[in-house]
């Protein structure tokens, strides 16, 4: 095999690995945004529950039962959505990190091949 062919194969492998790393990192940023959104939704639902409890001295449950039921249903729904988004994004983040670790060259390998070929 020609040393020039080996050099070209190393360059191509480095380019492919770097492109894959950039793609995986972009997907990880997306999942981090999803995690942030899930935590925000969960925080809003807990804040609404806190407001409901804090203002409980100003109303009686019998008078506003239908409103409280609707509000509690909304709080539970938002909590479920927030937890789902957070768990889903954490699972995807771990999968992407595993993919990067298994299929990409490490930074040290890239530097060694680059320095060796130039």
C-alpha atoms as a PDB file:
ATOM      1  CA  UNK A   1       0.000   0.000   0.000  1.00  0.00           C
ATOM      2  CA  UNK A   2       1.197   3.443  -0.934  1.00  0.00           C
ATOM      3  CA  UNK A   3       1.997   5.798   2.029  1.00  0.00           C
ATOM      4  CA  UNK A   4       0.042   8.517   0.227  1.00  0.00           C
ATOM      5  CA  UNK A   5      -3.058   6.288   0.182  1.00  0.00           C
ATOM      6  CA  UNK A   6      -2.602   5.637   3.911  1.00  0.00           C
ATOM      7  CA  UNK A   7      -2.326   9.398   4.516  1.00  0.00           C
ATOM      8  CA  UNK A   8      -5.527  10.024   2.514  1.00  0.00           C
ATOM      9  CA  UNK A   9      -7.375   7.276   4.417  1.00  0.00           C
ATOM     10  CA  UNK A  10      -6.278   8.784   7.750  1.00  0.00           C
ATOM     11  CA  UNK A  11      -7.434  12.248   6.656  1.00  0.00           C
ATOM     12  CA  UNK A  12     -10.779  10.864   5.518  1.00  0.00           C
ATOM     13  CA  UNK A  13     -11.218   8.935   8.764  1.00  0.00           C
ATOM     14  CA  UNK A  14     -10.387  12.057  10.781  1.00  0.00           C
ATOM     15  CA  UNK A  15     -12.867  14.158   8.762  1.00  0.00           C
ATOM     16  CA  UNK A  16     -15.608  11.523   9.148  1.00  0.00           C
ATOM     17  CA  UNK A  17     -14.968  11.205  12.852  1.00  0.00           C
ATOM     18  CA  UNK A  18     -15.026  14.982  13.356  1.00  0.00           C
ATOM     19  CA  UNK A  19     -18.272  15.275  11.361  1.00  0.00           C
ATOM     20  CA  UNK A  20     -19.865  12.547  13.466  1.00  0.00           C
ATOM     21  CA  UNK A  21     -18.702  14.227  16.676  1.00  0.00           C
ATOM     22  CA  UNK A  22     -20.198  17.570  15.549  1.00  0.00           C
ATOM     23  CA  UNK A  23     -23.499  15.878  14.713  1.00  0.00           C
ATOM     24  CA  UNK A  24     -23.662  14.044  18.024  1.00  0.00           C
ATOM     25  CA  UNK A  25     -22.808  17.206  19.960  1.00  0.00           C
ATOM     26  CA  UNK A  26     -25.579  19.119  18.140  1.00  0.00           C
ATOM     27  CA  UNK A  27     -28.067  16.384  19.045  1.00  0.00           C
ATOM     28  CA  UNK A  28     -26.882  16.499  22.655  1.00  0.00           C
ATOM     29  CA  UNK A  29     -27.516  20.265  22.762  1.00  0.00           C
ATOM     30  CA  UNK A  30     -31.053  19.585  21.530  1.00  0.00           C
ATOM     31  CA  UNK A  31     -31.631  17.038  24.289  1.00  0.00           C
ATOM     32  CA  UNK A  32     -30.218  19.441  26.876  1.00  0.00           C
ATOM     33  CA  UNK A  33     -32.759  22.039  25.706  1.00  0.00           C
ATOM     34  CA  UNK A  34     -35.480  19.393  26.063  1.00  0.00           C
ATOM     35  CA  UNK A  35     -34.239  18.650  29.593  1.00  0.00           C
ATOM     36  CA  UNK A  36     -34.335  22.361  30.447  1.00  0.00           C
ATOM     37  CA  UNK A  37     -37.901  22.586  29.113  1.00  0.00           C
ATOM     38  CA  UNK A  38     -38.997  19.541  31.116  1.00  0.00           C
ATOM     39  CA  UNK A  39     -37.523  20.956  34.311  1.00  0.00           C
ATOM     40  CA  UNK A  40     -39.221  24.299  33.603  1.00  0.00           C
ATOM     41  CA  UNK A  41     -42.627  22.674  33.110  1.00  0.00           C
ATOM     42  CA  UNK A  42     -42.159  20.631  36.269  1.00  0.00           C
ATOM     43  CA  UNK A  43     -41.218  23.790  38.180  1.00  0.00           C
ATOM     44  CA  UNK A  44     -44.315  25.617  36.943  1.00  0.00           C
ATOM     45  CA  UNK A  45     -46.586  22.795  38.078  1.00  0.00           C
ATOM     46  CA  UNK A  46     -44.970  22.739  41.532  1.00  0.00           C
ATOM     47  CA  UNK A  47     -45.315  26.538  41.751  1.00  0.00           C
ATOM     48  CA  UNK A  48     -49.022  26.321  40.941  1.00  0.00           C
ATOM     49  CA  UNK A  49     -49.461  23.691  43.644  1.00  0.00           C
ATOM     50  CA  UNK A  50     -47.629  25.929  46.118  1.00  0.00           C
ATOM     51  CA  UNK A  51     -49.903  28.869  45.252  1.00  0.00           C
ATOM     52  CA  UNK A  52     -52.962  26.661  45.666  1.00  0.00           C
ATOM     53  CA  UNK A  53     -51.807  25.574  49.132  1.00  0.00           C
ATOM     54  CA  UNK A  54     -50.675  29.058  50.185  1.00  0.00           C
ATOM     55  CA  UNK A  55     -54.033  30.640  49.322  1.00  0.00           C
ATOM     56  CA  UNK A  56     -56.149  27.860  50.849  1.00  0.00           C
ATOM     57  CA  UNK A  57     -57.075  30.114  53.810  1.00  0.00           C
ATOM     58  CA  UNK A  58     -58.976  32.465  51.465  1.00  0.00           C
ATOM     59  CA  UNK A  59     -61.508  29.977  50.107  1.00  0.00           C
ATOM     60  CA  UNK A  60     -63.417  26.890  51.097  1.00  0.00           C
ATOM     61  CA  UNK A  61     -63.070  23.743  49.015  1.00  0.00           C
ATOM     62  CA  UNK A  62     -66.848  23.309  48.724  1.00  0.00           C
ATOM     63  CA  UNK A  63     -67.273  26.685  47.013  1.00  0.00           C
ATOM     64  CA  UNK A  64     -64.521  26.208  44.419  1.00  0.00           C
ATOM     65  CA  UNK A  65     -64.365  22.417  44.116  1.00  0.00           C
ATOM     66  CA  UNK A  66     -64.697  22.302  40.326  1.00  0.00           C
ATOM     67  CA  UNK A  67     -61.987  24.934  39.867  1.00  0.00           C
ATOM     68  CA  UNK A  68     -59.640  23.135  42.258  1.00  0.00           C
ATOM     69  CA  UNK A  69     -60.238  19.800  40.492  1.00  0.00           C
ATOM     70  CA  UNK A  70     -59.413  21.400  37.137  1.00  0.00           C
ATOM     71  CA  UNK A  71     -56.333  23.093  38.552  1.00  0.00           C
ATOM     72  CA  UNK A  72     -55.088  19.916  40.228  1.00  0.00           C
ATOM     73  CA  UNK A  73     -55.657  17.987  36.988  1.00  0.00           C
ATOM     74  CA  UNK A  74     -53.609  20.611  35.108  1.00  0.00           C
ATOM     75  CA  UNK A  75     -50.869  20.478  37.726  1.00  0.00           C
ATOM     76  CA  UNK A  76     -50.669  16.680  37.508  1.00  0.00           C
ATOM     77  CA  UNK A  77     -50.679  16.770  33.699  1.00  0.00           C
ATOM     78  CA  UNK A  78     -47.905  19.362  33.598  1.00  0.00           C
ATOM     79  CA  UNK A  79     -45.933  17.358  36.152  1.00  0.00           C
ATOM     80  CA  UNK A  80     -46.226  14.194  34.060  1.00  0.00           C
ATOM     81  CA  UNK A  81     -45.156  16.041  30.900  1.00  0.00           C
ATOM     82  CA  UNK A  82     -42.202  17.635  32.706  1.00  0.00           C
ATOM     83  CA  UNK A  83     -41.019  14.323  34.156  1.00  0.00           C
ATOM     84  CA  UNK A  84     -41.427  12.608  30.773  1.00  0.00           C
ATOM     85  CA  UNK A  85     -39.372  15.268  28.972  1.00  0.00           C
ATOM     86  CA  UNK A  86     -36.638  15.179  31.601  1.00  0.00           C
ATOM     87  CA  UNK A  87     -36.347  11.381  31.643  1.00  0.00           C
ATOM     88  CA  UNK A  88     -36.560  11.090  27.850  1.00  0.00           C
ATOM     89  CA  UNK A  89     -33.799  13.639  27.320  1.00  0.00           C
ATOM     90  CA  UNK A  90     -31.521  12.046  29.935  1.00  0.00           C
ATOM     91  CA  UNK A  91     -31.908   8.637  28.274  1.00  0.00           C
ATOM     92  CA  UNK A  92     -31.129  10.123  24.851  1.00  0.00           C
ATOM     93  CA  UNK A  93     -28.118  12.035  26.210  1.00  0.00           C
ATOM     94  CA  UNK A  94     -26.636   8.839  27.629  1.00  0.00           C
ATOM     95  CA  UNK A  95     -27.239   7.007  24.338  1.00  0.00           C
ATOM     96  CA  UNK A  96     -25.534   9.746  22.305  1.00  0.00           C
ATOM     97  CA  UNK A  97     -22.562   9.825  24.660  1.00  0.00           C
ATOM     98  CA  UNK A  98     -22.231   6.047  24.363  1.00  0.00           C
ATOM     99  CA  UNK A  99     -22.442   6.305  20.551  1.00  0.00           C
ATOM    100  CA  UNK A 100     -19.718   8.941  20.507  1.00  0.00           C
ATOM    101  CA  UNK A 101     -17.489   6.875  22.763  1.00  0.00           C
ATOM    102  CA  UNK A 102     -17.954   3.702  20.675  1.00  0.00           C
ATOM    103  CA  UNK A 103     -17.778   5.062  17.144  1.00  0.00           C
ATOM    104  CA  UNK A 104     -15.523   8.106  17.141  1.00  0.00           C
ATOM    105  CA  UNK A 105     -11.828   8.600  17.403  1.00  0.00           C
ATOM    106  CA  UNK A 106     -10.726  10.225  20.629  1.00  0.00           C
ATOM    107  CA  UNK A 107      -9.075  13.624  20.588  1.00  0.00           C
ATOM    108  CA  UNK A 108      -5.736  12.005  21.381  1.00  0.00           C
ATOM    109  CA  UNK A 109      -6.075   9.582  18.452  1.00  0.00           C
ATOM    110  CA  UNK A 110      -6.976  12.407  16.076  1.00  0.00           C
ATOM    111  CA  UNK A 111      -3.994  14.507  17.237  1.00  0.00           C
ATOM    112  CA  UNK A 112      -1.621  11.548  16.978  1.00  0.00           C
ATOM    113  CA  UNK A 113      -2.778  10.658  13.440  1.00  0.00           C
ATOM    114  CA  UNK A 114      -2.710  14.294  12.334  1.00  0.00           C
ATOM    115  CA  UNK A 115       0.769  14.895  13.708  1.00  0.00           C
ATOM    116  CA  UNK A 116       2.020  11.588  12.325  1.00  0.00           C
ATOM    117  CA  UNK A 117       0.723  12.332   8.817  1.00  0.00           C
ATOM    118  CA  UNK A 118       2.041  15.904   8.631  1.00  0.00           C
END
